[in-house]
Structure formats: structure tokens, C-alpha cells
Protein backbone atom coordinates (compact mmCIF):
# COMPACT_ATOMS: atom_id res chain seq x y z
CA MET A 1 -11.05 40.66 -7.38
CA PRO A 2 -8.10 42.44 -6.07
CA ASN A 3 -4.69 40.70 -6.48
CA ASN A 4 -3.90 40.06 -2.80
CA ILE A 5 -5.58 38.57 0.23
CA ILE A 6 -5.03 38.32 3.94
CA ILE A 7 -3.73 34.91 5.18
CA ASP A 8 -3.38 34.15 8.79
CA ASN A 9 0.22 33.18 9.58
CA ASP A 10 -1.13 29.91 11.33
CA PHE A 11 -1.79 28.43 7.98
CA GLU A 12 1.75 27.44 7.70
CA THR A 13 1.35 24.83 10.41
CA PHE A 14 -0.40 22.32 8.19
CA GLY A 15 0.57 21.56 4.58
CA TRP A 16 0.47 18.88 1.93
CA VAL A 17 1.38 18.17 -1.61
CA SER A 18 -1.27 17.74 -4.31
CA LYS A 19 -0.64 16.33 -7.70
CA VAL A 20 -2.21 18.07 -10.75
CA GLN A 21 -4.32 15.53 -12.60
CA LYS A 22 -5.96 15.80 -16.05
CA ASN A 23 -9.01 13.94 -17.06
CA ARG A 24 -9.97 12.70 -20.53
CA ARG A 25 -11.78 16.01 -21.39
CA GLY A 26 -8.65 18.08 -20.69
CA THR A 27 -9.81 19.39 -17.38
CA PHE A 28 -7.15 19.91 -14.67
CA ARG A 29 -7.80 19.24 -10.98
CA LEU A 30 -6.34 19.02 -7.63
CA THR A 31 -7.16 16.51 -4.79
CA LEU A 32 -8.07 17.60 -1.39
CA ASN A 33 -6.36 15.74 1.60
CA LYS A 34 -8.84 13.38 3.16
CA PHE A 35 -7.90 14.66 6.76
CA VAL A 36 -8.83 18.23 5.63
CA ALA A 37 -12.16 17.07 4.17
CA LEU A 38 -13.02 15.01 7.30
CA GLY A 39 -11.92 17.75 9.70
CA CYS A 40 -13.89 20.37 7.92
CA GLY A 41 -16.92 18.27 7.34
CA ILE A 42 -16.63 18.41 3.57
CA GLU A 43 -18.83 15.94 1.64
CA LYS A 44 -18.73 14.56 -1.76
CA GLY A 45 -20.38 16.88 -4.36
CA GLN A 46 -20.15 19.94 -1.96
CA LYS A 47 -19.34 23.16 -3.71
CA LEU A 48 -16.13 25.05 -2.48
CA PHE A 49 -15.49 28.71 -3.48
CA CYS A 50 -11.91 29.28 -4.77
CA TYR A 51 -10.20 32.45 -5.66
CA LEU A 52 -6.98 33.33 -7.49
CA ALA A 53 -4.65 35.73 -5.83
CA LYS A 54 -0.96 36.73 -5.35
CA ASP A 55 1.03 36.58 -2.23
CA ARG A 56 3.46 39.19 -0.93
CA ASN A 57 6.16 37.65 -3.24
CA ASN A 58 3.88 37.94 -6.31
CA ARG A 59 3.50 34.14 -6.38
CA SER A 60 0.17 32.83 -7.66
CA ILE A 61 -1.94 31.12 -4.97
CA ILE A 62 -5.53 29.75 -4.63
CA ALA A 63 -7.63 30.61 -1.75
CA ILE A 64 -10.31 28.05 -1.05
CA TYR A 65 -13.10 28.62 1.50
CA LEU A 66 -13.70 25.09 3.03
CA ASP A 67 -17.01 26.00 4.75
CA GLY A 68 -18.79 26.11 1.42
CA ASN A 69 -19.61 29.87 1.64
CA PRO A 70 -18.38 32.50 -0.83
CA ARG A 71 -16.01 35.23 0.21
CA ASN A 72 -17.86 38.26 1.65
CA LYS A 73 -17.97 40.85 -1.22
CA ASN A 74 -17.56 43.58 1.37
CA GLU A 75 -14.44 42.17 2.98
CA GLU A 76 -11.39 44.12 1.87
CA MET A 77 -8.52 42.24 0.52
CA GLN A 78 -5.20 43.49 1.46
CA ASN A 79 -1.54 42.85 0.74
CA LEU A 80 0.26 40.17 2.82
């Protein structure tokens, strides 16, 4: 996967803070805001596809497709 992805500037209009949690097995996880889950129709147990990337300032980000479908392998990922 390339290091950069396209992000629509509108994503900045909604944001939240998630705490990193660790379970007994040593796995780290993030929680998803319930309003995001309700608004996107996400249900318990549904699989979401997540990708690691870098933004234009070389900061690490996670891109999560909330519709439950993987990234289109033919879509070109570009610098922000």
C-alpha cells in the first residue's frame, strides 16, 4: 500500500478523541463514537477495513472505511 491517501477536506468538520485501551491479551484497541456507528449503520461484529497511511506532514494516520467494504485496489492513492 502506498504511504499517502486522499482525504476530503470536509472530514475536519467532525472529530472526536478515542482512548487507546489494552486488554488482558495485550491487544490494543480504539473505540468508535456511538454517533458515528449509528449514523453509518454499523452493527456489533461488523468488519471494518482499516489502512495505515501518512498525511502530508508525514504524520501516521488510520483510514477506516465505515461502509464495511475494502478499499478499491484500482484506486490510486495520492499525496494530500
